[in-house]
């Protein structure tokens, strides 16, 4: 995986941290959903780690599956 730059210099990602951050298990992510693509990164490596970029429809399917507890079926 390679580190990507925001698609447009005028539009910087608005990163938000998972609501579960601070639980002490070191498994937190940050999401930026204010750009044409959804960007996801590991909170521990936010400056140097890879950024996963996916289409909004895929993010919607994933988050719906999490909420509906359909993962692993």
N, C-alpha and C. Protein backbone atom coordinates (compact mmCIF):
# COMPACT_ATOMS: atom_id res chain seq x y z
N UNK A 1 0.85 -1.17 0.00
CA UNK A 1 0.00 0.00 0.00
C UNK A 1 0.89 1.23 0.00
N UNK A 2 0.52 2.22 -0.76
CA UNK A 2 1.31 3.44 -0.81
C UNK A 2 0.54 4.59 -0.20
N UNK A 3 1.29 5.54 0.28
CA UNK A 3 0.68 6.73 0.87
C UNK A 3 0.17 7.61 -0.27
N UNK A 4 -1.05 8.09 -0.15
CA UNK A 4 -1.64 8.93 -1.19
C UNK A 4 -1.79 10.35 -0.68
N UNK A 5 -1.81 11.27 -1.59
CA UNK A 5 -2.05 12.67 -1.27
C UNK A 5 -3.52 12.99 -1.52
N UNK A 6 -4.05 13.98 -0.84
CA UNK A 6 -5.43 14.38 -1.11
C UNK A 6 -5.61 14.70 -2.59
N UNK A 7 -6.79 14.44 -3.16
CA UNK A 7 -7.00 14.62 -4.58
C UNK A 7 -6.87 16.06 -5.07
N UNK A 8 -7.03 17.01 -4.20
CA UNK A 8 -6.98 18.40 -4.62
C UNK A 8 -6.31 19.22 -3.52
N UNK A 9 -5.40 20.07 -3.90
CA UNK A 9 -4.66 20.86 -2.91
C UNK A 9 -5.58 21.77 -2.10
N UNK A 10 -6.71 22.17 -2.67
CA UNK A 10 -7.64 23.04 -1.96
C UNK A 10 -8.53 22.31 -0.98
N UNK A 11 -8.56 21.01 -1.06
CA UNK A 11 -9.43 20.22 -0.21
C UNK A 11 -8.59 19.24 0.61
N UNK A 12 -8.42 19.54 1.87
CA UNK A 12 -7.66 18.68 2.75
C UNK A 12 -8.62 17.72 3.46
N UNK A 13 -8.16 16.52 3.76
CA UNK A 13 -9.03 15.58 4.48
C UNK A 13 -9.39 16.13 5.85
N UNK A 14 -10.62 15.97 6.22
CA UNK A 14 -11.10 16.33 7.55
C UNK A 14 -11.13 15.03 8.37
N UNK A 15 -10.02 14.70 9.01
CA UNK A 15 -9.90 13.43 9.73
C UNK A 15 -10.70 13.47 11.01
N UNK A 16 -11.42 12.40 11.27
CA UNK A 16 -12.11 12.23 12.56
C UNK A 16 -11.72 10.87 13.10
N UNK A 17 -11.65 10.79 14.39
CA UNK A 17 -11.18 9.58 15.06
C UNK A 17 -12.36 8.74 15.51
N UNK A 18 -12.18 7.46 15.48
CA UNK A 18 -13.20 6.53 15.93
C UNK A 18 -13.70 6.89 17.33
N UNK A 19 -14.96 6.69 17.56
CA UNK A 19 -15.53 6.97 18.88
C UNK A 19 -15.01 6.00 19.94
N UNK A 20 -14.37 4.92 19.52
CA UNK A 20 -13.81 3.94 20.45
C UNK A 20 -12.38 4.27 20.85
N UNK A 21 -11.80 5.33 20.32
CA UNK A 21 -10.44 5.72 20.68
C UNK A 21 -10.38 6.00 22.17
N UNK A 22 -9.31 5.55 22.78
CA UNK A 22 -9.14 5.76 24.22
C UNK A 22 -9.53 4.55 25.04
N UNK A 23 -9.96 3.48 24.37
CA UNK A 23 -10.34 2.28 25.11
C UNK A 23 -9.12 1.48 25.55
N UNK A 24 -7.92 1.89 25.08
CA UNK A 24 -6.69 1.26 25.53
C UNK A 24 -6.25 0.05 24.73
N UNK A 25 -6.97 -0.30 23.67
CA UNK A 25 -6.61 -1.51 22.93
C UNK A 25 -5.75 -1.23 21.69
N UNK A 26 -5.46 0.05 21.41
CA UNK A 26 -4.57 0.42 20.30
C UNK A 26 -5.07 -0.02 18.93
N UNK A 27 -6.37 -0.14 18.75
CA UNK A 27 -6.95 -0.56 17.48
C UNK A 27 -7.87 0.52 16.92
N UNK A 28 -7.35 1.72 16.76
CA UNK A 28 -8.20 2.84 16.35
C UNK A 28 -7.87 3.30 14.93
N UNK A 29 -8.88 3.81 14.27
CA UNK A 29 -8.71 4.33 12.93
C UNK A 29 -9.26 5.75 12.86
N UNK A 30 -8.80 6.47 11.84
CA UNK A 30 -9.33 7.79 11.52
C UNK A 30 -9.92 7.72 10.13
N UNK A 31 -11.00 8.46 9.92
CA UNK A 31 -11.68 8.46 8.63
C UNK A 31 -11.86 9.91 8.18
N UNK A 32 -11.61 10.13 6.90
CA UNK A 32 -11.91 11.42 6.27
C UNK A 32 -12.96 11.14 5.19
N UNK A 33 -14.14 11.72 5.36
CA UNK A 33 -15.21 11.47 4.39
C UNK A 33 -15.73 12.75 3.75
N UNK A 34 -14.89 13.77 3.73
CA UNK A 34 -15.30 15.04 3.14
C UNK A 34 -14.75 15.25 1.72
N UNK A 35 -14.14 14.22 1.15
CA UNK A 35 -13.57 14.29 -0.19
C UNK A 35 -14.32 13.34 -1.11
N UNK A 36 -14.03 13.34 -2.40
CA UNK A 36 -14.73 12.42 -3.31
C UNK A 36 -14.53 10.94 -2.96
N UNK A 37 -13.42 10.60 -2.33
CA UNK A 37 -13.16 9.23 -1.90
C UNK A 37 -13.04 9.20 -0.38
N UNK A 38 -13.41 8.10 0.23
CA UNK A 38 -13.26 7.93 1.67
C UNK A 38 -11.82 7.53 1.95
N UNK A 39 -11.19 8.16 2.94
CA UNK A 39 -9.82 7.85 3.31
C UNK A 39 -9.79 7.32 4.74
N UNK A 40 -9.04 6.23 4.94
CA UNK A 40 -8.97 5.57 6.25
C UNK A 40 -7.50 5.36 6.58
N UNK A 41 -7.13 5.65 7.83
CA UNK A 41 -5.75 5.44 8.26
C UNK A 41 -5.71 5.00 9.72
N UNK A 42 -4.61 4.39 10.10
CA UNK A 42 -4.38 3.95 11.47
C UNK A 42 -4.00 5.16 12.32
N UNK A 43 -4.66 5.34 13.44
CA UNK A 43 -4.39 6.47 14.31
C UNK A 43 -2.94 6.50 14.79
N UNK A 44 -2.37 5.33 15.06
CA UNK A 44 -1.00 5.27 15.57
C UNK A 44 0.01 5.80 14.56
N UNK A 45 -0.27 5.65 13.27
CA UNK A 45 0.69 6.01 12.22
C UNK A 45 0.13 7.07 11.29
N UNK A 46 -0.63 8.02 11.84
CA UNK A 46 -1.32 8.99 10.99
C UNK A 46 -0.39 9.86 10.16
N UNK A 47 0.84 10.05 10.57
CA UNK A 47 1.76 10.88 9.79
C UNK A 47 2.60 10.09 8.79
N UNK A 48 2.81 8.81 9.06
CA UNK A 48 3.74 8.04 8.22
C UNK A 48 3.14 6.78 7.61
N UNK A 49 2.00 6.36 8.08
CA UNK A 49 1.42 5.10 7.62
C UNK A 49 0.64 5.22 6.33
N UNK A 50 0.23 4.08 5.81
CA UNK A 50 -0.55 4.07 4.57
C UNK A 50 -1.97 4.61 4.80
N UNK A 51 -2.56 5.04 3.72
CA UNK A 51 -3.95 5.51 3.74
C UNK A 51 -4.73 4.67 2.75
N UNK A 52 -5.79 4.06 3.23
CA UNK A 52 -6.68 3.28 2.37
C UNK A 52 -7.72 4.23 1.79
N UNK A 53 -7.88 4.22 0.49
CA UNK A 53 -8.85 5.08 -0.18
C UNK A 53 -9.86 4.21 -0.90
N UNK A 54 -11.15 4.43 -0.59
CA UNK A 54 -12.22 3.62 -1.19
C UNK A 54 -13.37 4.51 -1.64
N UNK A 55 -14.19 4.01 -2.57
CA UNK A 55 -15.36 4.78 -3.02
C UNK A 55 -16.40 4.90 -1.89
N UNK A 56 -17.16 5.99 -1.86
CA UNK A 56 -18.18 6.17 -0.83
C UNK A 56 -19.19 5.02 -0.78
N UNK A 57 -19.57 4.46 -1.91
CA UNK A 57 -20.55 3.36 -1.91
C UNK A 57 -20.00 2.14 -1.16
N UNK A 58 -18.73 1.86 -1.32
CA UNK A 58 -18.11 0.74 -0.61
C UNK A 58 -18.07 0.99 0.89
N UNK A 59 -17.76 2.23 1.27
CA UNK A 59 -17.76 2.59 2.69
C UNK A 59 -19.16 2.44 3.29
N UNK A 60 -20.16 2.87 2.55
CA UNK A 60 -21.54 2.75 3.01
C UNK A 60 -21.93 1.28 3.21
N UNK A 61 -21.54 0.44 2.27
CA UNK A 61 -21.84 -1.00 2.40
C UNK A 61 -21.13 -1.58 3.63
N UNK A 62 -19.88 -1.21 3.82
CA UNK A 62 -19.12 -1.72 4.96
C UNK A 62 -19.73 -1.27 6.29
N UNK A 63 -20.00 0.04 6.42
CA UNK A 63 -20.55 0.52 7.69
C UNK A 63 -21.95 -0.04 7.95
N UNK A 64 -22.73 -0.22 6.91
CA UNK A 64 -24.06 -0.83 7.10
C UNK A 64 -23.93 -2.27 7.58
N UNK A 65 -22.96 -3.00 7.02
CA UNK A 65 -22.74 -4.39 7.44
C UNK A 65 -22.30 -4.45 8.90
N UNK A 66 -21.47 -3.49 9.32
CA UNK A 66 -21.03 -3.45 10.72
C UNK A 66 -22.22 -3.20 11.63
N UNK A 67 -23.03 -2.21 11.29
CA UNK A 67 -24.19 -1.87 12.10
C UNK A 67 -25.18 -3.04 12.16
N UNK A 68 -25.37 -3.70 11.05
CA UNK A 68 -26.32 -4.81 10.98
C UNK A 68 -25.73 -6.14 11.44
N UNK A 69 -24.44 -6.12 11.84
CA UNK A 69 -23.73 -7.32 12.30
C UNK A 69 -23.74 -8.43 11.24
N UNK A 70 -23.58 -8.03 9.96
CA UNK A 70 -23.58 -9.00 8.87
C UNK A 70 -22.18 -9.43 8.45
N UNK A 71 -21.14 -8.92 9.05
CA UNK A 71 -19.79 -9.30 8.67
C UNK A 71 -19.53 -10.74 9.08
N UNK A 72 -18.82 -11.46 8.24
CA UNK A 72 -18.47 -12.85 8.55
C UNK A 72 -19.52 -13.85 8.11
N UNK A 73 -20.55 -13.38 7.44
CA UNK A 73 -21.59 -14.31 6.96
C UNK A 73 -21.17 -14.99 5.69
